[in-house]
N, C-alpha and C. Protein backbone atom coordinates (compact mmCIF):
# COMPACT_ATOMS: atom_id res chain seq x y z
N MET A 1 77.25 -100.61 35.85
CA MET A 1 76.90 -102.02 36.09
C MET A 1 76.55 -102.21 37.57
N SER A 2 75.46 -102.89 37.87
CA SER A 2 75.05 -103.09 39.25
C SER A 2 75.96 -104.10 39.93
N THR A 3 75.98 -104.03 41.27
CA THR A 3 76.78 -104.97 42.04
C THR A 3 76.33 -106.39 41.81
N GLU A 4 75.01 -106.58 41.69
CA GLU A 4 74.46 -107.93 41.51
C GLU A 4 74.92 -108.54 40.20
N SER A 5 74.91 -107.74 39.12
CA SER A 5 75.31 -108.27 37.82
C SER A 5 76.81 -108.50 37.75
N SER A 6 77.59 -107.69 38.45
CA SER A 6 79.04 -107.87 38.41
C SER A 6 79.49 -108.99 39.34
N ASP A 7 78.61 -109.42 40.25
CA ASP A 7 78.96 -110.47 41.21
C ASP A 7 78.23 -111.77 40.85
N ARG A 8 78.26 -112.12 39.57
CA ARG A 8 77.51 -113.30 39.13
C ARG A 8 78.07 -114.60 39.70
N LEU A 9 79.33 -114.60 40.16
CA LEU A 9 79.90 -115.80 40.77
C LEU A 9 79.61 -115.86 42.27
N GLY A 10 79.08 -114.78 42.82
CA GLY A 10 78.72 -114.77 44.24
C GLY A 10 79.87 -114.60 45.19
N LEU A 11 81.05 -114.22 44.69
CA LEU A 11 82.22 -114.13 45.55
C LEU A 11 82.15 -112.92 46.49
N LEU A 12 81.70 -111.79 45.98
CA LEU A 12 81.55 -110.62 46.84
C LEU A 12 80.52 -110.90 47.93
N ARG A 13 79.41 -111.48 47.54
CA ARG A 13 78.35 -111.80 48.51
C ARG A 13 78.88 -112.74 49.59
N ALA A 14 79.65 -113.74 49.17
CA ALA A 14 80.20 -114.70 50.13
C ALA A 14 81.22 -114.03 51.05
N ALA A 15 82.09 -113.19 50.48
CA ALA A 15 83.10 -112.51 51.29
C ALA A 15 82.44 -111.61 52.33
N LEU A 16 81.40 -110.89 51.92
CA LEU A 16 80.68 -110.04 52.87
C LEU A 16 80.00 -110.87 53.95
N GLY A 17 79.51 -112.04 53.58
CA GLY A 17 78.89 -112.93 54.55
C GLY A 17 79.89 -113.40 55.59
N TYR A 18 81.09 -113.75 55.15
CA TYR A 18 82.11 -114.19 56.10
C TYR A 18 82.44 -113.06 57.09
N ILE A 19 82.50 -111.85 56.60
CA ILE A 19 82.84 -110.71 57.45
C ILE A 19 81.68 -110.35 58.39
N GLU A 20 80.50 -110.18 57.82
CA GLU A 20 79.39 -109.64 58.59
C GLU A 20 78.67 -110.67 59.45
N GLU A 21 78.60 -111.91 58.99
CA GLU A 21 77.87 -112.93 59.74
C GLU A 21 78.78 -113.78 60.62
N ARG A 22 80.00 -114.05 60.16
CA ARG A 22 80.91 -114.91 60.91
C ARG A 22 81.97 -114.11 61.65
N HIS A 23 82.18 -112.85 61.26
CA HIS A 23 83.26 -112.02 61.82
C HIS A 23 84.63 -112.61 61.52
N TRP A 24 84.77 -113.14 60.30
CA TRP A 24 86.04 -113.68 59.83
C TRP A 24 86.76 -112.65 58.97
N ASP A 25 88.09 -112.69 58.99
CA ASP A 25 88.90 -111.84 58.13
C ASP A 25 89.01 -112.47 56.75
N VAL A 26 89.22 -111.63 55.75
CA VAL A 26 89.37 -112.11 54.38
C VAL A 26 90.54 -111.41 53.69
N VAL A 27 91.00 -112.00 52.61
CA VAL A 27 92.02 -111.42 51.76
C VAL A 27 91.66 -111.76 50.32
N LEU A 28 91.90 -110.83 49.41
CA LEU A 28 91.65 -111.10 48.00
C LEU A 28 92.65 -112.13 47.47
N GLY A 29 92.13 -113.11 46.73
CA GLY A 29 92.99 -114.11 46.12
C GLY A 29 93.10 -113.92 44.61
N THR A 30 93.94 -114.70 43.99
CA THR A 30 94.09 -114.66 42.54
C THR A 30 92.88 -115.32 41.88
N SER A 31 92.80 -115.21 40.58
CA SER A 31 91.68 -115.81 39.85
C SER A 31 92.20 -116.75 38.77
N VAL A 32 91.30 -117.61 38.31
CA VAL A 32 91.61 -118.56 37.25
C VAL A 32 91.31 -117.91 35.91
N GLU A 33 92.25 -117.98 34.99
CA GLU A 33 92.05 -117.40 33.67
C GLU A 33 92.23 -118.47 32.60
N ARG A 34 91.51 -118.29 31.50
CA ARG A 34 91.63 -119.23 30.39
C ARG A 34 91.67 -118.46 29.09
N GLU A 35 92.70 -118.70 28.31
CA GLU A 35 92.86 -118.03 27.03
C GLU A 35 93.40 -119.01 26.01
N ASN A 36 92.69 -119.12 24.89
CA ASN A 36 93.08 -120.05 23.83
C ASN A 36 93.21 -121.48 24.34
N GLY A 37 92.32 -121.84 25.27
CA GLY A 37 92.32 -123.20 25.80
C GLY A 37 93.35 -123.47 26.85
N VAL A 38 94.10 -122.46 27.25
CA VAL A 38 95.16 -122.64 28.25
C VAL A 38 94.73 -122.00 29.57
N TRP A 39 94.82 -122.76 30.66
CA TRP A 39 94.46 -122.27 31.97
C TRP A 39 95.69 -121.62 32.62
N SER A 40 95.46 -120.52 33.30
CA SER A 40 96.57 -119.84 33.98
C SER A 40 96.06 -119.09 35.20
N CYS A 41 97.00 -118.60 36.00
CA CYS A 41 96.66 -117.86 37.21
C CYS A 41 96.85 -116.37 36.94
N SER A 42 96.00 -115.56 37.53
CA SER A 42 96.10 -114.11 37.33
C SER A 42 97.39 -113.52 37.89
N CYS A 43 98.15 -114.32 38.66
CA CYS A 43 99.42 -113.82 39.21
C CYS A 43 100.46 -113.62 38.12
N GLY A 44 100.25 -114.23 36.94
CA GLY A 44 101.16 -114.04 35.82
C GLY A 44 102.27 -115.07 35.73
N ASP A 45 102.41 -115.93 36.75
CA ASP A 45 103.44 -116.96 36.74
C ASP A 45 102.92 -118.15 35.94
N ARG A 46 103.52 -118.40 34.79
CA ARG A 46 103.05 -119.51 33.93
C ARG A 46 103.25 -120.86 34.58
N ARG A 47 104.12 -120.93 35.57
CA ARG A 47 104.39 -122.21 36.26
C ARG A 47 103.67 -122.28 37.60
N CYS A 48 102.74 -121.37 37.85
CA CYS A 48 102.03 -121.33 39.13
C CYS A 48 101.41 -122.69 39.43
N ALA A 49 101.72 -123.22 40.62
CA ALA A 49 101.21 -124.53 41.01
C ALA A 49 99.89 -124.43 41.78
N ALA A 50 99.43 -123.21 42.03
CA ALA A 50 98.19 -123.01 42.78
C ALA A 50 97.32 -122.00 42.03
N ILE A 51 96.90 -122.37 40.84
CA ILE A 51 96.14 -121.47 39.98
C ILE A 51 94.85 -121.01 40.66
N GLY A 52 94.75 -119.68 40.83
CA GLY A 52 93.56 -119.12 41.46
C GLY A 52 93.39 -119.48 42.92
N ALA A 53 94.44 -119.95 43.56
CA ALA A 53 94.30 -120.46 44.93
C ALA A 53 95.35 -119.94 45.89
N HIS A 54 95.74 -118.69 45.71
CA HIS A 54 96.67 -118.08 46.66
C HIS A 54 96.40 -116.58 46.71
N PRO A 55 96.90 -115.88 47.73
CA PRO A 55 96.64 -114.44 47.84
C PRO A 55 97.11 -113.68 46.61
N ALA A 56 96.37 -112.64 46.27
CA ALA A 56 96.72 -111.85 45.09
C ALA A 56 97.86 -110.88 45.37
N MET A 57 98.16 -110.64 46.64
CA MET A 57 99.18 -109.66 47.02
C MET A 57 100.31 -110.32 47.81
N ARG A 58 101.53 -109.95 47.49
CA ARG A 58 102.69 -110.53 48.17
C ARG A 58 102.64 -110.24 49.67
N ASP A 59 102.23 -109.04 50.02
CA ASP A 59 102.17 -108.65 51.43
C ASP A 59 100.79 -108.89 52.02
N TRP A 60 100.20 -110.03 51.69
CA TRP A 60 98.84 -110.32 52.09
C TRP A 60 98.65 -110.31 53.60
N HIS A 61 99.73 -110.66 54.35
CA HIS A 61 99.63 -110.65 55.81
C HIS A 61 99.24 -109.27 56.33
N LYS A 62 99.68 -108.22 55.60
CA LYS A 62 99.41 -106.86 56.03
C LYS A 62 98.08 -106.33 55.48
N ARG A 63 97.48 -107.08 54.56
CA ARG A 63 96.25 -106.61 53.91
C ARG A 63 94.99 -107.28 54.46
N ILE A 64 95.16 -108.20 55.40
CA ILE A 64 94.01 -108.91 55.97
C ILE A 64 93.00 -107.90 56.50
N SER A 65 91.73 -108.11 56.18
CA SER A 65 90.72 -107.12 56.56
C SER A 65 89.39 -107.77 56.93
N ALA A 66 88.69 -107.11 57.84
CA ALA A 66 87.33 -107.51 58.19
C ALA A 66 86.38 -106.34 57.93
N GLN A 67 86.79 -105.46 57.03
CA GLN A 67 85.99 -104.30 56.68
C GLN A 67 85.15 -104.59 55.43
N PRO A 68 83.84 -104.50 55.53
CA PRO A 68 82.99 -104.73 54.35
C PRO A 68 83.36 -103.82 53.18
N SER A 69 83.77 -102.59 53.48
CA SER A 69 84.13 -101.65 52.41
C SER A 69 85.34 -102.14 51.63
N ARG A 70 86.29 -102.76 52.33
CA ARG A 70 87.47 -103.29 51.65
C ARG A 70 87.10 -104.48 50.78
N ALA A 71 86.24 -105.37 51.30
CA ALA A 71 85.79 -106.51 50.51
C ALA A 71 85.04 -106.03 49.27
N TYR A 72 84.20 -105.03 49.44
CA TYR A 72 83.45 -104.48 48.31
C TYR A 72 84.42 -103.94 47.26
N GLU A 73 85.44 -103.26 47.72
CA GLU A 73 86.44 -102.70 46.79
C GLU A 73 87.18 -103.79 46.04
N TRP A 74 87.65 -104.82 46.79
CA TRP A 74 88.42 -105.90 46.17
C TRP A 74 87.59 -106.66 45.13
N TRP A 75 86.41 -107.13 45.52
CA TRP A 75 85.66 -108.03 44.62
C TRP A 75 84.82 -107.29 43.60
N THR A 76 84.69 -105.99 43.74
CA THR A 76 84.08 -105.22 42.66
C THR A 76 85.10 -105.03 41.55
N GLU A 77 86.35 -104.82 41.93
CA GLU A 77 87.43 -104.65 40.95
C GLU A 77 87.89 -105.97 40.38
N HIS A 78 87.81 -107.04 41.21
CA HIS A 78 88.26 -108.37 40.78
C HIS A 78 87.16 -109.39 41.09
N PRO A 79 86.06 -109.38 40.35
CA PRO A 79 84.90 -110.22 40.67
C PRO A 79 85.15 -111.72 40.60
N GLN A 80 86.27 -112.13 39.98
CA GLN A 80 86.57 -113.56 39.91
C GLN A 80 87.69 -113.96 40.87
N GLY A 81 88.15 -113.02 41.69
CA GLY A 81 89.21 -113.33 42.63
C GLY A 81 88.74 -114.30 43.71
N SER A 82 89.56 -115.28 44.04
CA SER A 82 89.19 -116.23 45.08
C SER A 82 89.16 -115.55 46.44
N ILE A 83 88.44 -116.15 47.36
CA ILE A 83 88.36 -115.64 48.73
C ILE A 83 89.37 -116.40 49.59
N ILE A 84 90.30 -115.68 50.15
CA ILE A 84 91.30 -116.28 51.03
C ILE A 84 90.90 -116.02 52.48
N LEU A 85 90.84 -117.07 53.28
CA LEU A 85 90.57 -116.94 54.71
C LEU A 85 91.84 -117.25 55.48
N PRO A 86 92.43 -116.27 56.16
CA PRO A 86 93.63 -116.51 56.95
C PRO A 86 93.31 -117.41 58.15
N THR A 87 94.15 -118.38 58.40
CA THR A 87 93.96 -119.26 59.57
C THR A 87 94.77 -118.72 60.74
N GLY A 88 94.46 -119.26 61.94
CA GLY A 88 95.18 -118.82 63.13
C GLY A 88 94.63 -117.56 63.74
N ARG A 89 93.50 -117.09 63.25
CA ARG A 89 92.89 -115.86 63.78
C ARG A 89 91.54 -116.22 64.41
N ALA A 90 90.51 -116.30 63.61
CA ALA A 90 89.20 -116.69 64.14
C ALA A 90 89.06 -118.21 64.23
N PHE A 91 89.90 -118.92 63.50
CA PHE A 91 89.82 -120.38 63.46
C PHE A 91 91.12 -120.97 62.94
N ASP A 92 91.31 -122.24 63.20
CA ASP A 92 92.34 -123.05 62.55
C ASP A 92 91.61 -124.05 61.67
N VAL A 93 92.35 -124.73 60.82
CA VAL A 93 91.76 -125.73 59.93
C VAL A 93 92.58 -127.02 60.00
N LEU A 94 91.90 -128.13 60.19
CA LEU A 94 92.53 -129.44 60.10
C LEU A 94 92.25 -129.97 58.70
N GLU A 95 93.31 -130.21 57.95
CA GLU A 95 93.17 -130.62 56.55
C GLU A 95 93.57 -132.08 56.38
N CYS A 96 92.76 -132.81 55.63
CA CYS A 96 93.07 -134.21 55.36
C CYS A 96 92.51 -134.59 54.00
N SER A 97 92.72 -135.83 53.61
CA SER A 97 92.20 -136.28 52.33
C SER A 97 90.67 -136.36 52.40
N GLU A 98 90.05 -136.27 51.25
CA GLU A 98 88.59 -136.35 51.17
C GLU A 98 88.08 -137.68 51.71
N GLU A 99 88.75 -138.76 51.34
CA GLU A 99 88.30 -140.08 51.76
C GLU A 99 88.33 -140.23 53.27
N ALA A 100 89.46 -139.85 53.88
CA ALA A 100 89.57 -139.96 55.33
C ALA A 100 88.62 -138.98 56.02
N GLY A 101 88.50 -137.77 55.49
CA GLY A 101 87.65 -136.77 56.10
C GLY A 101 86.19 -137.15 56.12
N LEU A 102 85.71 -137.74 55.03
CA LEU A 102 84.30 -138.15 54.97
C LEU A 102 84.03 -139.31 55.93
N LEU A 103 85.01 -140.21 56.07
CA LEU A 103 84.86 -141.31 57.03
C LEU A 103 84.77 -140.76 58.45
N ALA A 104 85.68 -139.82 58.78
CA ALA A 104 85.68 -139.22 60.11
C ALA A 104 84.39 -138.44 60.35
N LEU A 105 83.92 -137.71 59.35
CA LEU A 105 82.70 -136.93 59.49
C LEU A 105 81.50 -137.83 59.77
N ALA A 106 81.43 -138.94 59.08
CA ALA A 106 80.33 -139.89 59.29
C ALA A 106 80.36 -140.44 60.71
N ARG A 107 81.55 -140.74 61.22
CA ARG A 107 81.68 -141.27 62.59
C ARG A 107 81.26 -140.20 63.61
N LEU A 108 81.68 -138.97 63.39
CA LEU A 108 81.33 -137.89 64.30
C LEU A 108 79.82 -137.67 64.34
N GLU A 109 79.21 -137.62 63.18
CA GLU A 109 77.76 -137.38 63.13
C GLU A 109 76.98 -138.56 63.71
N ARG A 110 77.49 -139.77 63.50
CA ARG A 110 76.82 -140.95 64.03
C ARG A 110 76.82 -140.95 65.55
N HIS A 111 77.86 -140.36 66.16
CA HIS A 111 77.94 -140.31 67.61
C HIS A 111 77.36 -139.02 68.18
N GLY A 112 76.70 -138.23 67.34
CA GLY A 112 76.04 -137.03 67.82
C GLY A 112 76.97 -135.88 68.13
N ALA A 113 78.19 -135.92 67.65
CA ALA A 113 79.15 -134.84 67.90
C ALA A 113 78.92 -133.69 66.93
N ASN A 114 79.46 -132.53 67.26
CA ASN A 114 79.37 -131.37 66.38
C ASN A 114 80.71 -131.18 65.67
N PRO A 115 80.81 -131.60 64.40
CA PRO A 115 82.09 -131.46 63.69
C PRO A 115 82.43 -130.02 63.35
N GLY A 116 81.44 -129.11 63.45
CA GLY A 116 81.68 -127.73 63.04
C GLY A 116 81.63 -127.61 61.53
N PRO A 117 82.00 -126.45 61.00
CA PRO A 117 82.00 -126.26 59.55
C PRO A 117 83.04 -127.16 58.87
N VAL A 118 82.68 -127.69 57.72
CA VAL A 118 83.59 -128.53 56.94
C VAL A 118 83.47 -128.14 55.47
N ALA A 119 84.60 -127.89 54.83
CA ALA A 119 84.60 -127.52 53.41
C ALA A 119 85.37 -128.56 52.61
N ALA A 120 84.99 -128.69 51.34
CA ALA A 120 85.66 -129.64 50.44
C ALA A 120 86.26 -128.88 49.27
N ALA A 121 87.55 -129.09 49.05
CA ALA A 121 88.25 -128.47 47.92
C ALA A 121 88.25 -129.42 46.74
N PRO A 122 88.29 -128.90 45.51
CA PRO A 122 88.24 -129.76 44.33
C PRO A 122 89.49 -130.63 44.13
N ASN A 123 90.54 -130.38 44.93
CA ASN A 123 91.72 -131.26 44.86
C ASN A 123 91.59 -132.43 45.82
N ARG A 124 90.33 -132.68 46.24
CA ARG A 124 89.98 -133.82 47.08
C ARG A 124 90.60 -133.72 48.47
N ARG A 125 90.54 -132.52 49.03
CA ARG A 125 90.96 -132.27 50.40
C ARG A 125 89.76 -131.74 51.18
N LEU A 126 89.68 -132.12 52.45
CA LEU A 126 88.62 -131.63 53.32
C LEU A 126 89.22 -130.73 54.39
N TYR A 127 88.48 -129.66 54.74
CA TYR A 127 88.90 -128.71 55.74
C TYR A 127 87.92 -128.74 56.92
N PHE A 128 88.41 -129.08 58.10
CA PHE A 128 87.61 -129.06 59.32
C PHE A 128 87.98 -127.81 60.11
N PHE A 129 87.02 -126.93 60.34
CA PHE A 129 87.27 -125.69 61.06
C PHE A 129 87.19 -125.94 62.57
N VAL A 130 88.24 -125.54 63.28
CA VAL A 130 88.29 -125.72 64.74
C VAL A 130 88.72 -124.40 65.39
N LEU A 131 88.72 -124.38 66.71
CA LEU A 131 89.14 -123.19 67.43
C LEU A 131 90.59 -122.83 67.09
N PRO A 132 90.93 -121.55 67.13
CA PRO A 132 92.29 -121.12 66.75
C PRO A 132 93.36 -121.50 67.78
N ASN A 133 94.61 -121.29 67.38
CA ASN A 133 95.78 -121.58 68.23
C ASN A 133 95.83 -123.05 68.63
N SER A 134 95.61 -123.91 67.66
CA SER A 134 95.47 -125.34 67.94
C SER A 134 96.70 -126.18 67.62
N ARG A 135 97.70 -125.58 67.00
CA ARG A 135 98.81 -126.39 66.48
C ARG A 135 99.50 -127.22 67.57
N THR A 136 99.81 -126.59 68.70
CA THR A 136 100.48 -127.31 69.78
C THR A 136 99.57 -128.37 70.37
N LYS A 137 98.30 -128.01 70.56
CA LYS A 137 97.34 -128.95 71.12
C LYS A 137 97.15 -130.15 70.20
N VAL A 138 97.11 -129.91 68.91
CA VAL A 138 96.95 -131.01 67.96
C VAL A 138 98.10 -132.01 68.09
N ALA A 139 99.33 -131.51 68.16
CA ALA A 139 100.49 -132.39 68.29
C ALA A 139 100.42 -133.18 69.60
N THR A 140 100.01 -132.52 70.68
CA THR A 140 99.93 -133.18 71.99
C THR A 140 98.86 -134.26 72.00
N VAL A 141 97.69 -133.92 71.45
CA VAL A 141 96.57 -134.88 71.42
C VAL A 141 96.91 -136.09 70.55
N LEU A 142 97.52 -135.85 69.39
CA LEU A 142 97.90 -136.97 68.52
C LEU A 142 98.90 -137.89 69.20
N ALA A 143 99.84 -137.30 69.94
CA ALA A 143 100.81 -138.11 70.68
C ALA A 143 100.09 -138.94 71.74
N GLY A 144 99.14 -138.32 72.43
CA GLY A 144 98.38 -139.02 73.46
C GLY A 144 97.53 -140.15 72.91
N LEU A 145 97.11 -140.00 71.65
CA LEU A 145 96.29 -141.02 71.00
C LEU A 145 97.15 -142.13 70.38
N GLY A 146 98.47 -141.96 70.45
CA GLY A 146 99.37 -142.97 69.91
C GLY A 146 99.79 -142.73 68.47
N TRP A 147 99.48 -141.54 67.94
CA TRP A 147 99.82 -141.24 66.56
C TRP A 147 101.00 -140.27 66.46
N GLY A 148 101.67 -140.02 67.54
CA GLY A 148 102.73 -139.01 67.57
C GLY A 148 103.88 -139.28 66.61
N ARG A 149 104.19 -140.53 66.39
CA ARG A 149 105.33 -140.86 65.53
C ARG A 149 104.90 -141.44 64.18
N THR A 150 103.63 -141.35 63.92
CA THR A 150 103.11 -141.87 62.66
C THR A 150 102.90 -140.73 61.67
N ALA A 151 103.35 -140.91 60.46
CA ALA A 151 103.19 -139.88 59.43
C ALA A 151 101.78 -139.95 58.87
N LEU A 152 100.91 -139.10 59.41
CA LEU A 152 99.53 -139.06 58.95
C LEU A 152 99.34 -137.93 57.95
N ASP A 153 98.44 -138.13 57.02
CA ASP A 153 98.08 -137.07 56.08
C ASP A 153 97.04 -136.19 56.76
N LEU A 154 97.49 -135.48 57.78
CA LEU A 154 96.61 -134.63 58.59
C LEU A 154 97.42 -133.41 59.00
N ALA A 155 97.04 -132.25 58.49
CA ALA A 155 97.79 -131.02 58.74
C ALA A 155 96.93 -130.02 59.48
N CYS A 156 97.59 -129.22 60.32
CA CYS A 156 96.90 -128.14 61.02
C CYS A 156 97.33 -126.81 60.42
N ARG A 157 96.40 -126.13 59.82
CA ARG A 157 96.69 -124.81 59.26
C ARG A 157 96.34 -123.76 60.31
N SER A 158 97.37 -123.05 60.74
CA SER A 158 97.18 -122.09 61.83
C SER A 158 97.80 -120.76 61.45
N ALA A 159 98.40 -120.06 62.42
CA ALA A 159 98.93 -118.72 62.20
C ALA A 159 99.90 -118.68 61.02
N GLY A 160 99.72 -117.69 60.15
CA GLY A 160 100.59 -117.51 59.00
C GLY A 160 100.17 -118.27 57.76
N ASP A 161 99.10 -119.04 57.87
CA ASP A 161 98.64 -119.85 56.73
C ASP A 161 97.24 -119.38 56.31
N TYR A 162 96.65 -120.07 55.36
CA TYR A 162 95.33 -119.69 54.86
C TYR A 162 94.70 -120.86 54.13
N ILE A 163 93.41 -120.72 53.86
CA ILE A 163 92.72 -121.66 52.98
C ILE A 163 91.95 -120.86 51.94
N VAL A 164 91.55 -121.51 50.87
CA VAL A 164 90.69 -120.91 49.85
C VAL A 164 89.26 -121.29 50.22
N ALA A 165 88.38 -120.29 50.29
CA ALA A 165 87.03 -120.50 50.81
C ALA A 165 85.99 -120.66 49.70
N PRO A 166 84.90 -121.36 49.99
CA PRO A 166 83.78 -121.42 49.06
C PRO A 166 83.23 -120.02 48.79
N PRO A 167 82.73 -119.75 47.59
CA PRO A 167 82.64 -120.63 46.41
C PRO A 167 83.77 -120.40 45.41
N SER A 168 84.97 -120.12 45.90
CA SER A 168 86.11 -119.82 45.02
C SER A 168 86.44 -121.00 44.11
N ARG A 169 86.98 -120.69 42.95
CA ARG A 169 87.43 -121.71 42.02
C ARG A 169 88.91 -121.98 42.27
N MET A 170 89.29 -123.26 42.26
CA MET A 170 90.68 -123.65 42.43
C MET A 170 91.15 -124.34 41.16
N GLY A 171 92.00 -123.69 40.41
CA GLY A 171 92.54 -124.29 39.21
C GLY A 171 91.46 -124.71 38.23
N ILE A 172 91.71 -125.79 37.53
CA ILE A 172 90.77 -126.24 36.50
C ILE A 172 89.80 -127.29 37.06
N ARG A 173 89.93 -127.62 38.34
CA ARG A 173 89.14 -128.71 38.90
C ARG A 173 87.71 -128.31 39.27
N GLY A 174 87.53 -127.08 39.70
CA GLY A 174 86.19 -126.67 40.12
C GLY A 174 86.25 -125.76 41.33
N GLN A 175 85.13 -125.70 42.05
CA GLN A 175 84.99 -124.78 43.16
C GLN A 175 85.15 -125.47 44.51
N VAL A 176 85.56 -124.69 45.50
CA VAL A 176 85.52 -125.13 46.89
C VAL A 176 84.06 -125.06 47.32
N GLN A 177 83.60 -126.07 48.06
CA GLN A 177 82.20 -126.12 48.47
C GLN A 177 82.08 -126.46 49.95
N TRP A 178 80.98 -126.03 50.54
CA TRP A 178 80.71 -126.41 51.92
C TRP A 178 80.09 -127.79 51.98
N VAL A 179 80.63 -128.64 52.83
CA VAL A 179 80.00 -129.91 53.16
C VAL A 179 79.03 -129.67 54.31
N ARG A 180 79.50 -128.89 55.28
CA ARG A 180 78.69 -128.37 56.39
C ARG A 180 79.01 -126.89 56.50
N GLY A 181 78.07 -126.06 56.12
CA GLY A 181 78.31 -124.62 56.13
C GLY A 181 78.40 -124.05 57.53
N PRO A 182 79.00 -122.87 57.67
CA PRO A 182 79.17 -122.25 59.00
C PRO A 182 77.89 -121.58 59.48
N ALA A 183 76.85 -122.38 59.65
CA ALA A 183 75.57 -121.86 60.12
C ALA A 183 74.83 -122.98 60.84
N GLU A 184 73.80 -122.60 61.56
CA GLU A 184 72.98 -123.55 62.30
C GLU A 184 73.86 -124.44 63.20
N ALA A 185 73.76 -125.78 63.03
CA ALA A 185 74.47 -126.69 63.92
C ALA A 185 75.99 -126.57 63.79
N ALA A 186 76.46 -126.12 62.63
CA ALA A 186 77.90 -126.04 62.40
C ALA A 186 78.45 -124.65 62.73
N ARG A 187 77.61 -123.79 63.32
CA ARG A 187 78.02 -122.41 63.57
C ARG A 187 79.18 -122.33 64.55
N TRP A 188 79.13 -123.15 65.61
CA TRP A 188 80.14 -123.06 66.65
C TRP A 188 81.32 -123.96 66.33
N LEU A 189 82.51 -123.44 66.55
CA LEU A 189 83.71 -124.19 66.23
C LEU A 189 84.05 -125.16 67.35
N PRO A 190 84.36 -126.40 67.01
CA PRO A 190 84.73 -127.36 68.05
C PRO A 190 86.19 -127.19 68.46
N ASP A 191 86.50 -127.67 69.65
CA ASP A 191 87.88 -127.78 70.08
C ASP A 191 88.50 -128.91 69.24
N PRO A 192 89.77 -128.79 68.85
CA PRO A 192 90.37 -129.87 68.03
C PRO A 192 90.29 -131.25 68.68
N GLU A 193 90.28 -131.28 70.01
CA GLU A 193 90.20 -132.57 70.71
C GLU A 193 88.90 -133.30 70.37
N GLU A 194 87.86 -132.55 70.03
CA GLU A 194 86.56 -133.16 69.75
C GLU A 194 86.53 -133.90 68.42
N VAL A 195 87.43 -133.57 67.52
CA VAL A 195 87.40 -134.19 66.19
C VAL A 195 88.67 -134.98 65.86
N LEU A 196 89.70 -134.84 66.67
CA LEU A 196 90.99 -135.44 66.31
C LEU A 196 91.00 -136.97 66.34
N ALA A 197 90.35 -137.57 67.31
CA ALA A 197 90.40 -139.03 67.40
C ALA A 197 89.85 -139.70 66.15
N PRO A 198 88.62 -139.36 65.71
CA PRO A 198 88.12 -139.99 64.48
C PRO A 198 88.91 -139.56 63.24
N LEU A 199 89.42 -138.33 63.22
CA LEU A 199 90.22 -137.89 62.08
C LEU A 199 91.52 -138.69 61.98
N ALA A 200 92.20 -138.84 63.12
CA ALA A 200 93.46 -139.58 63.12
C ALA A 200 93.24 -141.04 62.75
N TYR A 201 92.18 -141.61 63.28
CA TYR A 201 91.85 -143.01 62.96
C TYR A 201 91.60 -143.18 61.47
N ALA A 202 90.79 -142.27 60.90
CA ALA A 202 90.47 -142.36 59.48
C ALA A 202 91.72 -142.14 58.61
N CYS A 203 92.57 -141.20 59.01
CA CYS A 203 93.80 -140.95 58.25
C CYS A 203 94.74 -142.14 58.35
N GLY A 204 94.80 -142.76 59.53
CA GLY A 204 95.63 -143.95 59.70
C GLY A 204 95.12 -145.11 58.90
N LEU A 205 93.80 -145.28 58.86
CA LEU A 205 93.20 -146.36 58.08
C LEU A 205 93.47 -146.15 56.59
N HIS A 206 93.31 -144.93 56.14
CA HIS A 206 93.55 -144.61 54.72
C HIS A 206 95.02 -144.80 54.38
N ARG A 207 95.91 -144.47 55.32
CA ARG A 207 97.36 -144.60 55.11
C ARG A 207 97.76 -146.06 54.93
N ALA A 208 97.04 -146.95 55.62
CA ALA A 208 97.40 -148.36 55.60
C ALA A 208 96.96 -149.06 54.32
N ARG A 209 96.14 -148.41 53.52
CA ARG A 209 95.62 -149.06 52.31
C ARG A 209 96.64 -149.03 51.17
């Protein structure tokens, strides 16, 4: 079977793109399975709360790779496995609700700012890619903006965490998709300070509803 025919979901092609074009690390994730009308995760846990949306290996921290040969091996053997991108290495991710994220994105673009790459997950969450090692800076900036003691639906995924990357499938809802792909104007990652003010405002506005 050719690589093209076995990669009909485009996951191998996408994983290789992340490695070769973006220089991002990847990890093989679990896949979504359906049998007799029942959806399940390839991890085998019938109670899995993240179907097809977590690393396929328990020791995934040790398996992180930027080798095209490893990606080829993983997704040739598991062509439906999701693509896991570890955070805290080449980038961090600011995660918020879809509603707040789209409002913040519109404000950023209206003011001519570069929001960087942005992905949308089918669970209605948006991922804003920013420079790595941002967790402390995010807390400091939010405090400076007056949001330090406010419980916002805004999380920083950094070292030790991960996200599920496009075009992976997450559960029964659908695929992760790029809102702004990591190319052209969105190629360069912004400093978190460049996107935090509109993100915090949008999350605060959404929280008040």
